[in-house]
């Protein structure tokens, strides 16, 4: 694509889904305009560009909107295919990557949210589910540097966004990611050595403060 393409991202800075897109854009070294949305007072542009779901993130490429984070990351990979591919070239390996992308998208988010925004038995149930999911991911990662092997790819982009919340999960769940999931922890450190990840993810302590405000709003603390 041409370097003078107009790319705008409508997003909200704490959104895990928006972070996926920002990491993908950074990996491809795509210049874009970032617009942080007020989700309590959504802009006319957001409502126009995503009239169905009215949600962020929305990527606007030369005036045309692309919605939903997974679709946006795939779109970025297909349009700017000459730079840092996110998916393997082998069809079977690509199918496996899609499986783990789907697994992360469906299995990680809800127990993570419940772990950070509940207490008592509900929180213990969320912690148990969180452990079960990450034990599977720890096993899949194994001794590979990244989930797709030697190259940082689509699966890594998705899961890496959760790492800025690990401090929060540890605090409320009363456990250590490094002790419980040493391979995921080592992988997290490798991801954070990448400029695309390090510059995108907010400070974990800042995310903890965001969650604390959320818990207060729910009357939990």
N, C-alpha and C. Protein backbone atom coordinates (compact mmCIF):
# COMPACT_ATOMS: atom_id res chain seq x y z
N UNK A 1 0.84 -1.20 0.00
CA UNK A 1 0.00 0.00 0.00
C UNK A 1 0.88 1.25 0.00
N UNK A 2 0.30 2.34 -0.43
CA UNK A 2 1.04 3.59 -0.51
C UNK A 2 1.29 4.17 0.88
N UNK A 3 2.43 4.85 1.02
CA UNK A 3 2.78 5.44 2.31
C UNK A 3 1.85 6.58 2.68
N UNK A 4 1.16 7.15 1.66
CA UNK A 4 0.28 8.28 1.94
C UNK A 4 -1.16 7.85 2.22
N UNK A 5 -1.39 6.55 2.43
CA UNK A 5 -2.72 6.07 2.84
C UNK A 5 -3.13 6.75 4.14
N UNK A 6 -4.40 7.08 4.23
CA UNK A 6 -4.91 7.68 5.47
C UNK A 6 -5.44 6.57 6.37
N UNK A 7 -4.86 6.46 7.56
CA UNK A 7 -5.27 5.43 8.51
C UNK A 7 -5.61 6.10 9.84
N UNK A 8 -6.83 5.86 10.32
CA UNK A 8 -7.29 6.42 11.59
C UNK A 8 -7.76 5.27 12.47
N UNK A 9 -7.41 5.32 13.74
CA UNK A 9 -7.89 4.30 14.68
C UNK A 9 -8.74 4.95 15.75
N UNK A 10 -10.00 4.54 15.82
CA UNK A 10 -10.89 4.96 16.90
C UNK A 10 -10.80 3.91 18.00
N UNK A 11 -10.45 4.34 19.20
CA UNK A 11 -10.09 3.36 20.23
C UNK A 11 -10.34 3.97 21.61
N UNK A 12 -10.09 3.17 22.63
CA UNK A 12 -10.10 3.64 24.03
C UNK A 12 -8.87 3.03 24.69
N UNK A 13 -8.06 3.82 25.33
CA UNK A 13 -6.70 3.44 25.69
C UNK A 13 -6.59 2.19 26.55
N UNK A 14 -7.58 1.86 27.39
CA UNK A 14 -7.47 0.68 28.25
C UNK A 14 -8.00 -0.59 27.59
N UNK A 15 -8.53 -0.47 26.39
CA UNK A 15 -9.16 -1.61 25.73
C UNK A 15 -8.15 -2.66 25.27
N UNK A 16 -8.32 -3.89 25.75
CA UNK A 16 -7.49 -5.01 25.28
C UNK A 16 -7.65 -5.19 23.78
N UNK A 17 -8.86 -4.96 23.29
CA UNK A 17 -9.15 -5.18 21.88
C UNK A 17 -8.47 -4.11 21.02
N UNK A 18 -8.45 -2.89 21.53
CA UNK A 18 -7.74 -1.83 20.83
C UNK A 18 -6.24 -2.03 20.84
N UNK A 19 -5.72 -2.56 21.96
CA UNK A 19 -4.27 -2.82 22.06
C UNK A 19 -3.82 -3.80 20.99
N UNK A 20 -4.67 -4.80 20.69
CA UNK A 20 -4.34 -5.77 19.62
C UNK A 20 -4.03 -5.03 18.32
N UNK A 21 -4.91 -4.10 18.00
CA UNK A 21 -4.78 -3.36 16.75
C UNK A 21 -3.55 -2.48 16.77
N UNK A 22 -3.30 -1.81 17.90
CA UNK A 22 -2.14 -0.92 18.00
C UNK A 22 -0.83 -1.69 17.86
N UNK A 23 -0.76 -2.88 18.46
CA UNK A 23 0.44 -3.70 18.32
C UNK A 23 0.62 -4.12 16.87
N UNK A 24 -0.47 -4.52 16.23
CA UNK A 24 -0.41 -4.93 14.82
C UNK A 24 0.07 -3.78 13.93
N UNK A 25 -0.46 -2.60 14.14
CA UNK A 25 -0.03 -1.43 13.36
C UNK A 25 1.44 -1.12 13.60
N UNK A 26 1.88 -1.24 14.85
CA UNK A 26 3.28 -0.97 15.17
C UNK A 26 4.21 -2.01 14.55
N UNK A 27 3.79 -3.28 14.56
CA UNK A 27 4.61 -4.33 13.95
C UNK A 27 4.82 -4.08 12.46
N UNK A 28 3.79 -3.56 11.80
CA UNK A 28 3.87 -3.28 10.36
C UNK A 28 4.46 -1.89 10.07
N UNK A 29 4.74 -1.14 11.15
CA UNK A 29 5.28 0.22 11.03
C UNK A 29 4.37 1.12 10.19
N UNK A 30 3.08 1.05 10.50
CA UNK A 30 2.08 1.84 9.78
C UNK A 30 1.81 3.14 10.53
N UNK A 31 1.93 4.25 9.85
CA UNK A 31 1.62 5.53 10.46
C UNK A 31 0.10 5.72 10.47
N UNK A 32 -0.42 6.19 11.61
CA UNK A 32 -1.87 6.37 11.71
C UNK A 32 -2.20 7.46 12.72
N UNK A 33 -3.41 7.94 12.62
CA UNK A 33 -3.92 8.94 13.56
C UNK A 33 -4.72 8.21 14.64
N UNK A 34 -4.37 8.46 15.89
CA UNK A 34 -5.05 7.81 17.00
C UNK A 34 -6.08 8.75 17.61
N UNK A 35 -7.30 8.25 17.75
CA UNK A 35 -8.35 9.05 18.38
C UNK A 35 -8.93 8.27 19.55
N UNK A 36 -8.70 8.77 20.74
CA UNK A 36 -9.19 8.13 21.96
C UNK A 36 -10.64 8.54 22.19
N UNK A 37 -11.53 7.55 22.19
CA UNK A 37 -12.96 7.82 22.29
C UNK A 37 -13.41 7.95 23.74
N UNK A 38 -14.39 8.81 23.96
CA UNK A 38 -15.11 8.89 25.23
C UNK A 38 -16.31 7.95 25.09
N UNK A 39 -16.23 6.78 25.73
CA UNK A 39 -17.26 5.76 25.52
C UNK A 39 -18.60 6.12 26.16
N UNK A 40 -18.59 7.13 27.03
CA UNK A 40 -19.85 7.60 27.59
C UNK A 40 -20.50 8.66 26.71
N UNK A 41 -19.71 9.17 25.79
CA UNK A 41 -20.21 10.18 24.85
C UNK A 41 -19.55 9.93 23.50
N UNK A 42 -20.00 8.87 22.84
CA UNK A 42 -19.35 8.41 21.61
C UNK A 42 -19.45 9.46 20.50
N UNK A 43 -18.36 9.57 19.76
CA UNK A 43 -18.30 10.58 18.70
C UNK A 43 -19.23 10.22 17.54
N UNK A 44 -19.59 11.25 16.80
CA UNK A 44 -20.41 11.04 15.61
C UNK A 44 -19.68 10.16 14.60
N UNK A 45 -18.36 10.31 14.55
CA UNK A 45 -17.57 9.51 13.61
C UNK A 45 -17.64 8.03 13.96
N UNK A 46 -17.53 7.70 15.25
CA UNK A 46 -17.62 6.30 15.67
C UNK A 46 -18.99 5.72 15.32
N UNK A 47 -20.04 6.46 15.62
CA UNK A 47 -21.40 5.99 15.35
C UNK A 47 -21.65 5.84 13.85
N UNK A 48 -21.01 6.68 13.07
CA UNK A 48 -21.15 6.61 11.61
C UNK A 48 -20.36 5.42 11.05
N UNK A 49 -19.15 5.21 11.59
CA UNK A 49 -18.28 4.18 11.05
C UNK A 49 -18.62 2.77 11.57
N UNK A 50 -19.25 2.69 12.73
CA UNK A 50 -19.68 1.39 13.26
C UNK A 50 -21.13 1.50 13.73
N UNK A 51 -22.07 1.69 12.81
CA UNK A 51 -23.47 1.90 13.18
C UNK A 51 -24.15 0.66 13.76
N UNK A 52 -23.59 -0.51 13.51
CA UNK A 52 -24.22 -1.76 13.98
C UNK A 52 -23.92 -1.99 15.46
N UNK A 53 -22.63 -2.09 15.81
CA UNK A 53 -22.25 -2.38 17.20
C UNK A 53 -21.92 -1.14 18.02
N UNK A 54 -21.56 -0.06 17.31
CA UNK A 54 -21.23 1.21 17.99
C UNK A 54 -20.10 1.04 19.01
N UNK A 55 -19.12 0.20 18.67
CA UNK A 55 -18.03 -0.09 19.60
C UNK A 55 -16.68 0.21 18.97
N UNK A 56 -15.70 0.41 19.86
CA UNK A 56 -14.30 0.49 19.42
C UNK A 56 -13.70 -0.91 19.52
N UNK A 57 -12.61 -1.18 18.83
CA UNK A 57 -11.88 -0.29 17.93
C UNK A 57 -12.48 -0.31 16.53
N UNK A 58 -12.24 0.78 15.82
CA UNK A 58 -12.59 0.87 14.40
C UNK A 58 -11.37 1.42 13.67
N UNK A 59 -10.94 0.70 12.65
CA UNK A 59 -9.86 1.17 11.79
C UNK A 59 -10.48 1.80 10.56
N UNK A 60 -10.11 3.02 10.26
CA UNK A 60 -10.63 3.70 9.07
C UNK A 60 -9.47 3.84 8.09
N UNK A 61 -9.56 3.13 6.99
CA UNK A 61 -8.49 3.11 5.98
C UNK A 61 -9.00 3.79 4.71
N UNK A 62 -8.44 4.96 4.44
CA UNK A 62 -8.87 5.75 3.28
C UNK A 62 -10.38 5.94 3.26
N UNK A 63 -10.93 6.24 4.45
CA UNK A 63 -12.35 6.55 4.57
C UNK A 63 -13.26 5.36 4.75
N UNK A 64 -12.71 4.15 4.66
CA UNK A 64 -13.54 2.94 4.78
C UNK A 64 -13.30 2.27 6.13
N UNK A 65 -14.38 1.97 6.88
CA UNK A 65 -14.21 1.39 8.21
C UNK A 65 -14.04 -0.13 8.20
N UNK A 66 -13.22 -0.60 9.13
CA UNK A 66 -13.09 -2.03 9.41
C UNK A 66 -13.32 -2.19 10.90
N UNK A 67 -14.28 -3.04 11.30
CA UNK A 67 -14.66 -3.18 12.70
C UNK A 67 -14.32 -4.56 13.25
N UNK A 68 -14.26 -4.66 14.57
CA UNK A 68 -13.95 -5.87 15.33
C UNK A 68 -12.45 -6.16 15.27
N UNK A 69 -11.84 -6.26 16.44
CA UNK A 69 -10.37 -6.32 16.54
C UNK A 69 -9.74 -7.47 15.77
N UNK A 70 -10.31 -8.68 15.84
CA UNK A 70 -9.73 -9.80 15.12
C UNK A 70 -9.75 -9.55 13.61
N UNK A 71 -10.86 -9.03 13.14
CA UNK A 71 -10.99 -8.74 11.71
C UNK A 71 -10.02 -7.64 11.30
N UNK A 72 -9.85 -6.64 12.17
CA UNK A 72 -8.93 -5.54 11.87
C UNK A 72 -7.49 -6.05 11.77
N UNK A 73 -7.08 -6.89 12.72
CA UNK A 73 -5.70 -7.42 12.69
C UNK A 73 -5.48 -8.25 11.43
N UNK A 74 -6.46 -9.06 11.06
CA UNK A 74 -6.37 -9.84 9.83
C UNK A 74 -6.29 -8.92 8.61
N UNK A 75 -7.08 -7.88 8.62
CA UNK A 75 -7.08 -6.91 7.52
C UNK A 75 -5.71 -6.25 7.38
N UNK A 76 -5.16 -5.83 8.50
CA UNK A 76 -3.84 -5.19 8.49
C UNK A 76 -2.79 -6.14 7.90
N UNK A 77 -2.87 -7.40 8.29
CA UNK A 77 -1.91 -8.39 7.81
C UNK A 77 -2.05 -8.63 6.30
N UNK A 78 -3.28 -8.61 5.82
CA UNK A 78 -3.53 -8.86 4.39
C UNK A 78 -3.20 -7.65 3.52
N UNK A 79 -3.49 -6.46 4.02
CA UNK A 79 -3.25 -5.25 3.23
C UNK A 79 -1.76 -4.91 3.17
N UNK A 80 -1.09 -5.00 4.31
CA UNK A 80 0.33 -4.70 4.37
C UNK A 80 1.12 -6.02 4.47
N UNK A 81 0.87 -6.90 3.50
CA UNK A 81 1.40 -8.26 3.54
C UNK A 81 2.91 -8.34 3.27
N UNK A 82 3.50 -7.24 2.81
CA UNK A 82 4.93 -7.24 2.53
C UNK A 82 5.78 -7.01 3.79
N UNK A 83 5.13 -6.78 4.92
CA UNK A 83 5.86 -6.46 6.16
C UNK A 83 5.46 -7.41 7.29
N UNK A 84 6.42 -8.04 7.93
CA UNK A 84 6.22 -8.83 9.15
C UNK A 84 4.90 -9.61 9.17
N UNK A 85 4.77 -10.67 8.39
CA UNK A 85 3.50 -11.42 8.37
C UNK A 85 3.14 -11.99 9.73
N UNK A 86 1.85 -11.92 10.07
CA UNK A 86 1.37 -12.40 11.36
C UNK A 86 1.03 -13.89 11.34
N UNK A 87 0.81 -14.44 10.15
CA UNK A 87 0.40 -15.84 10.02
C UNK A 87 1.45 -16.65 9.27
N UNK A 88 1.61 -17.94 9.61
CA UNK A 88 2.56 -18.79 8.90
C UNK A 88 2.14 -18.98 7.44
N UNK A 89 3.11 -19.30 6.58
CA UNK A 89 2.80 -19.53 5.17
C UNK A 89 2.22 -20.92 4.94
N UNK A 90 2.58 -21.87 5.79
CA UNK A 90 2.09 -23.24 5.66
C UNK A 90 0.60 -23.31 6.06
N UNK A 91 -0.26 -23.90 5.21
CA UNK A 91 -1.70 -23.94 5.50
C UNK A 91 -2.05 -24.62 6.82
N UNK A 92 -1.37 -25.72 7.15
CA UNK A 92 -1.68 -26.41 8.41
C UNK A 92 -1.29 -25.55 9.61
N UNK A 93 -0.10 -24.95 9.55
CA UNK A 93 0.35 -24.09 10.65
C UNK A 93 -0.57 -22.87 10.77
N UNK A 94 -1.06 -22.39 9.65
CA UNK A 94 -1.99 -21.26 9.68
C UNK A 94 -3.30 -21.66 10.34
N UNK A 95 -3.77 -22.87 10.05
CA UNK A 95 -4.99 -23.38 10.67
C UNK A 95 -4.81 -23.51 12.18
N UNK A 96 -3.63 -23.99 12.61
CA UNK A 96 -3.35 -24.12 14.03
C UNK A 96 -3.32 -22.75 14.71
N UNK A 97 -2.73 -21.78 14.05
CA UNK A 97 -2.69 -20.42 14.60
C UNK A 97 -4.11 -19.87 14.77
N UNK A 98 -4.96 -20.12 13.78
CA UNK A 98 -6.36 -19.66 13.86
C UNK A 98 -7.08 -20.33 15.04
N UNK A 99 -6.77 -21.61 15.28
CA UNK A 99 -7.39 -22.32 16.41
C UNK A 99 -7.04 -21.62 17.72
N UNK A 100 -5.76 -21.28 17.91
CA UNK A 100 -5.34 -20.67 19.17
C UNK A 100 -5.81 -19.23 19.29
N UNK A 101 -5.92 -18.54 18.18
CA UNK A 101 -6.52 -17.21 18.18
C UNK A 101 -7.96 -17.29 18.68
N UNK A 102 -8.69 -18.26 18.17
CA UNK A 102 -10.08 -18.47 18.57
C UNK A 102 -10.17 -18.87 20.04
N UNK A 103 -9.25 -19.73 20.47
CA UNK A 103 -9.23 -20.18 21.87
C UNK A 103 -9.02 -19.00 22.82
N UNK A 104 -8.04 -18.17 22.51
CA UNK A 104 -7.75 -17.01 23.36
C UNK A 104 -8.93 -16.06 23.38
N UNK A 105 -9.51 -15.83 22.21
CA UNK A 105 -10.61 -14.88 22.10
C UNK A 105 -11.83 -15.33 22.91
N UNK A 106 -12.06 -16.64 22.97
CA UNK A 106 -13.25 -17.16 23.63
C UNK A 106 -13.02 -17.55 25.09
N UNK A 107 -11.80 -17.92 25.46
CA UNK A 107 -11.57 -18.53 26.77
C UNK A 107 -10.86 -17.65 27.80
N UNK A 108 -10.13 -16.64 27.36
CA UNK A 108 -9.30 -15.87 28.29
C UNK A 108 -10.02 -14.68 28.89
N UNK A 109 -10.82 -13.99 28.09
CA UNK A 109 -11.38 -12.70 28.51
C UNK A 109 -12.28 -12.79 29.74
N UNK A 110 -13.31 -13.64 29.70
CA UNK A 110 -14.30 -13.65 30.77
C UNK A 110 -13.74 -14.04 32.14
N UNK A 111 -12.94 -15.13 32.26
CA UNK A 111 -12.37 -15.42 33.58
C UNK A 111 -11.43 -14.32 34.06
N UNK A 112 -10.76 -13.65 33.13
CA UNK A 112 -9.86 -12.55 33.51
C UNK A 112 -10.67 -11.40 34.10
N UNK A 113 -11.77 -11.05 33.46
CA UNK A 113 -12.62 -9.97 33.96
C UNK A 113 -13.21 -10.33 35.32
N UNK A 114 -13.71 -11.56 35.44
CA UNK A 114 -14.33 -11.97 36.70
C UNK A 114 -13.30 -12.06 37.83
N UNK A 115 -12.09 -12.46 37.51
CA UNK A 115 -11.04 -12.53 38.53
C UNK A 115 -10.76 -11.14 39.11
N UNK A 116 -10.82 -10.12 38.25
CA UNK A 116 -10.48 -8.76 38.68
C UNK A 116 -11.67 -7.97 39.21
N UNK A 117 -12.90 -8.42 38.94
CA UNK A 117 -14.06 -7.58 39.30
C UNK A 117 -15.11 -8.31 40.14
N UNK A 118 -14.69 -9.39 40.82
CA UNK A 118 -15.61 -10.08 41.73
C UNK A 118 -14.86 -10.38 43.03
N UNK A 119 -15.54 -11.03 43.96
CA UNK A 119 -14.88 -11.47 45.19
C UNK A 119 -15.58 -12.72 45.71
N UNK A 120 -14.98 -13.34 46.72
CA UNK A 120 -15.59 -14.52 47.32
C UNK A 120 -15.60 -15.73 46.41
N UNK A 121 -16.68 -16.48 46.47
CA UNK A 121 -16.78 -17.73 45.70
C UNK A 121 -16.73 -17.49 44.20
N UNK A 122 -17.33 -16.39 43.76
CA UNK A 122 -17.33 -16.09 42.32
C UNK A 122 -15.90 -15.83 41.83
N UNK A 123 -15.13 -15.14 42.65
CA UNK A 123 -13.75 -14.87 42.28
C UNK A 123 -12.91 -16.15 42.30
N UNK A 124 -13.15 -17.03 43.26
CA UNK A 124 -12.43 -18.30 43.33
C UNK A 124 -12.74 -19.17 42.11
N UNK A 125 -13.98 -19.16 41.67
CA UNK A 125 -14.37 -19.91 40.48
C UNK A 125 -13.68 -19.34 39.24
N UNK A 126 -13.59 -18.02 39.18
CA UNK A 126 -12.91 -17.37 38.06
C UNK A 126 -11.42 -17.68 38.06
N UNK A 127 -10.83 -17.70 39.25
CA UNK A 127 -9.41 -18.02 39.39
C UNK A 127 -9.14 -19.45 38.91
N UNK A 128 -10.01 -20.37 39.27
CA UNK A 128 -9.86 -21.77 38.85
C UNK A 128 -9.92 -21.88 37.33
N UNK A 129 -10.89 -21.17 36.74
CA UNK A 129 -11.02 -21.21 35.27
C UNK A 129 -9.83 -20.55 34.60
N UNK A 130 -9.36 -19.44 35.17
CA UNK A 130 -8.17 -18.74 34.66
C UNK A 130 -6.97 -19.67 34.65
N UNK A 131 -6.76 -20.40 35.76
CA UNK A 131 -5.65 -21.35 35.85
C UNK A 131 -5.77 -22.45 34.80
N UNK A 132 -6.97 -22.97 34.62
CA UNK A 132 -7.18 -24.06 33.65
C UNK A 132 -6.82 -23.59 32.24
N UNK A 133 -7.23 -22.38 31.89
CA UNK A 133 -6.96 -21.85 30.56
C UNK A 133 -5.47 -21.61 30.36
N UNK A 134 -4.82 -21.02 31.37
CA UNK A 134 -3.40 -20.70 31.22
C UNK A 134 -2.51 -21.94 31.33
N UNK A 135 -2.98 -22.97 31.99
CA UNK A 135 -2.24 -24.24 31.97
C UNK A 135 -2.22 -24.83 30.56
N UNK A 136 -3.32 -24.69 29.85
CA UNK A 136 -3.39 -25.14 28.46
C UNK A 136 -2.44 -24.30 27.60
N UNK A 137 -2.46 -22.99 27.79
CA UNK A 137 -1.59 -22.10 27.01
C UNK A 137 -0.12 -22.34 27.34
N UNK A 138 0.18 -22.59 28.61
CA UNK A 138 1.56 -22.89 29.02
C UNK A 138 2.05 -24.15 28.30
N UNK A 139 1.17 -25.15 28.21
CA UNK A 139 1.53 -26.39 27.53
C UNK A 139 1.72 -26.20 26.04
N UNK A 140 0.87 -25.40 25.43
CA UNK A 140 0.98 -25.14 23.99
C UNK A 140 2.25 -24.35 23.66
N UNK A 141 2.60 -23.39 24.50
CA UNK A 141 3.82 -22.61 24.28
C UNK A 141 5.05 -23.49 24.39
N UNK A 142 5.09 -24.32 25.43
CA UNK A 142 6.22 -25.22 25.61
C UNK A 142 7.54 -24.48 25.65
N UNK A 143 8.51 -24.94 24.91
CA UNK A 143 9.84 -24.32 24.89
C UNK A 143 10.04 -23.41 23.69
N UNK A 144 8.96 -23.10 22.97
CA UNK A 144 9.06 -22.20 21.82
C UNK A 144 9.23 -20.76 22.30
N UNK A 145 9.95 -19.94 21.55
CA UNK A 145 10.05 -18.53 21.95
C UNK A 145 8.72 -17.79 21.83
N UNK A 146 7.95 -18.14 20.79
CA UNK A 146 6.63 -17.55 20.58
C UNK A 146 5.64 -18.66 20.28
N UNK A 147 4.36 -18.35 20.34
CA UNK A 147 3.34 -19.38 20.16
C UNK A 147 3.38 -20.00 18.76
N UNK A 148 3.78 -19.21 17.77
CA UNK A 148 3.84 -19.72 16.41
C UNK A 148 5.25 -20.17 16.03
N UNK A 149 6.11 -20.32 17.03
CA UNK A 149 7.48 -20.78 16.77
C UNK A 149 8.49 -19.68 16.97
N UNK A 150 9.33 -19.46 15.96
CA UNK A 150 10.40 -18.47 16.07
C UNK A 150 9.91 -17.05 15.85
N UNK A 151 8.77 -16.91 15.16
CA UNK A 151 8.28 -15.58 14.80
C UNK A 151 7.13 -15.12 15.69
N UNK A 152 7.17 -13.87 16.09
CA UNK A 152 6.07 -13.22 16.80
C UNK A 152 4.90 -13.08 15.84
N UNK A 153 3.74 -13.62 16.21
CA UNK A 153 2.63 -13.63 15.27
C UNK A 153 1.28 -13.29 15.86
N UNK A 154 0.24 -13.68 15.15
CA UNK A 154 -1.14 -13.34 15.49
C UNK A 154 -1.50 -13.79 16.92
N UNK A 155 -1.15 -15.03 17.27
CA UNK A 155 -1.49 -15.56 18.59
C UNK A 155 -0.81 -14.73 19.68
N UNK A 156 0.45 -14.37 19.45
CA UNK A 156 1.20 -13.57 20.43
C UNK A 156 0.60 -12.17 20.57
N UNK A 157 0.18 -11.60 19.46
CA UNK A 157 -0.44 -10.27 19.51
C UNK A 157 -1.66 -10.28 20.43
N UNK A 158 -2.50 -11.29 20.27
CA UNK A 158 -3.72 -11.36 21.07
C UNK A 158 -3.44 -11.55 22.55
N UNK A 159 -2.60 -12.53 22.87
CA UNK A 159 -2.39 -12.84 24.29
C UNK A 159 -1.54 -11.79 24.99
N UNK A 160 -0.63 -11.15 24.26
CA UNK A 160 0.28 -10.19 24.90
C UNK A 160 -0.46 -9.01 25.51
N UNK A 161 -1.65 -8.69 24.99
CA UNK A 161 -2.39 -7.54 25.54
C UNK A 161 -2.84 -7.79 26.97
N UNK A 162 -2.99 -9.06 27.35
CA UNK A 162 -3.41 -9.38 28.72
C UNK A 162 -2.29 -9.19 29.73
N UNK A 163 -1.05 -9.14 29.26
CA UNK A 163 0.08 -9.13 30.19
C UNK A 163 0.12 -7.86 31.04
N UNK A 164 -0.44 -6.75 30.54
CA UNK A 164 -0.43 -5.53 31.34
C UNK A 164 -1.41 -5.62 32.51
N UNK A 165 -2.24 -6.66 32.50
CA UNK A 165 -3.17 -6.91 33.61
C UNK A 165 -2.68 -8.02 34.55
N UNK A 166 -1.55 -8.64 34.24
CA UNK A 166 -1.08 -9.75 35.07
C UNK A 166 -0.88 -9.31 36.53
N UNK A 167 -0.35 -8.12 36.73
CA UNK A 167 -0.15 -7.61 38.10
C UNK A 167 -1.50 -7.54 38.83
N UNK A 168 -2.53 -7.10 38.14
CA UNK A 168 -3.87 -7.01 38.72
C UNK A 168 -4.40 -8.40 39.06
N UNK A 169 -4.25 -9.34 38.13
CA UNK A 169 -4.72 -10.71 38.37
C UNK A 169 -4.00 -11.32 39.57
N UNK A 170 -2.69 -11.11 39.66
CA UNK A 170 -1.91 -11.64 40.77
C UNK A 170 -2.36 -11.04 42.10
N UNK A 171 -2.63 -9.73 42.09
CA UNK A 171 -3.01 -9.04 43.32
C UNK A 171 -4.35 -9.55 43.85
N UNK A 172 -5.34 -9.60 42.99
CA UNK A 172 -6.67 -10.03 43.44
C UNK A 172 -6.79 -11.54 43.57
N UNK A 173 -6.00 -12.29 42.80
CA UNK A 173 -6.05 -13.75 42.87
C UNK A 173 -5.10 -14.34 43.89
N UNK A 174 -4.20 -13.48 44.42
CA UNK A 174 -3.22 -13.92 45.43
C UNK A 174 -2.37 -15.09 44.92
N UNK A 175 -1.74 -14.87 43.77
CA UNK A 175 -0.85 -15.88 43.21
C UNK A 175 0.25 -15.18 42.41
N UNK A 176 1.25 -15.94 42.00
CA UNK A 176 2.36 -15.42 41.21
C UNK A 176 2.35 -16.06 39.83
N UNK A 177 2.26 -15.24 38.79
CA UNK A 177 2.33 -15.76 37.42
C UNK A 177 3.67 -16.46 37.19
N UNK A 178 4.74 -15.89 37.73
CA UNK A 178 6.08 -16.46 37.50
C UNK A 178 6.20 -17.85 38.11
N UNK A 179 5.60 -18.05 39.28
CA UNK A 179 5.64 -19.36 39.94
C UNK A 179 4.69 -20.33 39.27
N UNK A 180 3.50 -19.87 38.97
CA UNK A 180 2.46 -20.73 38.43
C UNK A 180 2.67 -21.04 36.95
N UNK A 181 3.11 -20.03 36.20
CA UNK A 181 3.27 -20.18 34.76
C UNK A 181 4.62 -19.61 34.29
N UNK A 182 5.70 -20.31 34.60
CA UNK A 182 7.04 -19.79 34.28
C UNK A 182 7.29 -19.59 32.79
N UNK A 183 6.74 -20.45 31.95
CA UNK A 183 6.98 -20.31 30.51
C UNK A 183 6.22 -19.12 29.93
N UNK A 184 5.00 -18.91 30.40
CA UNK A 184 4.24 -17.73 29.99
C UNK A 184 4.95 -16.46 30.46
N UNK A 185 5.52 -16.51 31.66
CA UNK A 185 6.24 -15.35 32.20
C UNK A 185 7.47 -15.03 31.35
N UNK A 186 8.23 -16.06 30.97
CA UNK A 186 9.40 -15.85 30.11
C UNK A 186 8.99 -15.30 28.75
N UNK A 187 7.88 -15.83 28.23
CA UNK A 187 7.34 -15.34 26.95
C UNK A 187 6.92 -13.88 27.08
N UNK A 188 6.31 -13.51 28.21
CA UNK A 188 5.90 -12.13 28.45
C UNK A 188 7.09 -11.19 28.37
N UNK A 189 8.20 -11.60 28.98
CA UNK A 189 9.41 -10.77 28.96
C UNK A 189 9.95 -10.63 27.54
N UNK A 190 9.88 -11.70 26.75
CA UNK A 190 10.32 -11.62 25.35
C UNK A 190 9.44 -10.65 24.57
N UNK A 191 8.14 -10.73 24.80
CA UNK A 191 7.21 -9.83 24.11
C UNK A 191 7.51 -8.37 24.46
N UNK A 192 7.80 -8.12 25.73
CA UNK A 192 8.05 -6.76 26.18
C UNK A 192 9.36 -6.19 25.65
N UNK A 193 10.21 -7.05 25.10
CA UNK A 193 11.44 -6.57 24.46
C UNK A 193 11.16 -6.03 23.06
N UNK A 194 9.96 -6.30 22.56
CA UNK A 194 9.57 -5.79 21.26
C UNK A 194 9.00 -4.38 21.42
N UNK A 195 9.47 -3.48 20.62
CA UNK A 195 9.04 -2.09 20.72
C UNK A 195 7.53 -1.95 20.52
N UNK A 196 6.97 -2.76 19.61
CA UNK A 196 5.54 -2.69 19.32
C UNK A 196 4.70 -2.97 20.55
N UNK A 197 5.15 -3.90 21.37
CA UNK A 197 4.43 -4.28 22.58
C UNK A 197 4.72 -3.30 23.72
N UNK A 198 5.99 -3.04 23.93
CA UNK A 198 6.41 -2.18 25.05
C UNK A 198 5.80 -0.78 24.96
N UNK A 199 5.70 -0.24 23.76
CA UNK A 199 5.18 1.12 23.60
C UNK A 199 3.65 1.17 23.56
N UNK A 200 3.03 0.00 23.35
CA UNK A 200 1.57 -0.04 23.28
C UNK A 200 0.94 -0.28 24.64
N UNK A 201 1.48 -1.24 25.39
CA UNK A 201 0.83 -1.64 26.64
C UNK A 201 1.02 -0.59 27.73
N UNK A 202 -0.06 -0.24 28.44
CA UNK A 202 0.04 0.71 29.55
C UNK A 202 0.80 0.09 30.73
N UNK A 203 1.23 0.93 31.64
CA UNK A 203 1.91 0.48 32.86
C UNK A 203 0.95 -0.41 33.66
N UNK A 204 1.42 -1.60 34.09
CA UNK A 204 0.55 -2.52 34.86
C UNK A 204 -0.06 -1.88 36.10
N UNK A 205 0.69 -0.98 36.76
CA UNK A 205 0.15 -0.33 37.95
C UNK A 205 -0.99 0.63 37.59
N UNK A 206 -0.89 1.22 36.41
CA UNK A 206 -1.97 2.09 35.93
C UNK A 206 -3.22 1.26 35.67
N UNK A 207 -3.03 0.06 35.12
CA UNK A 207 -4.17 -0.81 34.86
C UNK A 207 -4.81 -1.27 36.17
N UNK A 208 -3.98 -1.50 37.17
CA UNK A 208 -4.50 -1.87 38.50
C UNK A 208 -5.37 -0.74 39.04
N UNK A 209 -4.94 0.51 38.87
CA UNK A 209 -5.72 1.65 39.33
C UNK A 209 -7.07 1.73 38.60
N UNK A 210 -7.06 1.42 37.31
CA UNK A 210 -8.30 1.43 36.52
C UNK A 210 -9.27 0.38 37.06
N UNK A 211 -8.74 -0.80 37.35
CA UNK A 211 -9.58 -1.88 37.86
C UNK A 211 -10.10 -1.53 39.26
N UNK A 212 -9.28 -0.90 40.08
CA UNK A 212 -9.71 -0.50 41.42
C UNK A 212 -10.89 0.47 41.33
N UNK A 213 -10.83 1.40 40.39
CA UNK A 213 -11.93 2.33 40.19
C UNK A 213 -13.20 1.58 39.77
N UNK A 214 -13.00 0.59 38.91
CA UNK A 214 -14.11 -0.23 38.46
C UNK A 214 -14.73 -1.01 39.62
N UNK A 215 -13.88 -1.58 40.49
CA UNK A 215 -14.37 -2.32 41.64
C UNK A 215 -15.14 -1.42 42.60
N UNK A 216 -14.65 -0.20 42.80
CA UNK A 216 -15.35 0.75 43.65
C UNK A 216 -16.72 1.07 43.08
N UNK A 217 -16.77 1.22 41.74
CA UNK A 217 -18.03 1.49 41.08
C UNK A 217 -19.03 0.36 41.22
N UNK A 218 -18.50 -0.88 41.37
CA UNK A 218 -19.35 -2.05 41.55
C UNK A 218 -19.67 -2.31 43.03
N UNK A 219 -19.10 -1.46 43.90
CA UNK A 219 -19.33 -1.61 45.34
C UNK A 219 -18.58 -2.75 45.97
N UNK A 220 -17.44 -3.15 45.36
CA UNK A 220 -16.67 -4.30 45.87
C UNK A 220 -15.60 -3.87 46.87
N UNK A 221 -15.11 -2.64 46.77
CA UNK A 221 -14.05 -2.18 47.68
C UNK A 221 -14.40 -0.81 48.25
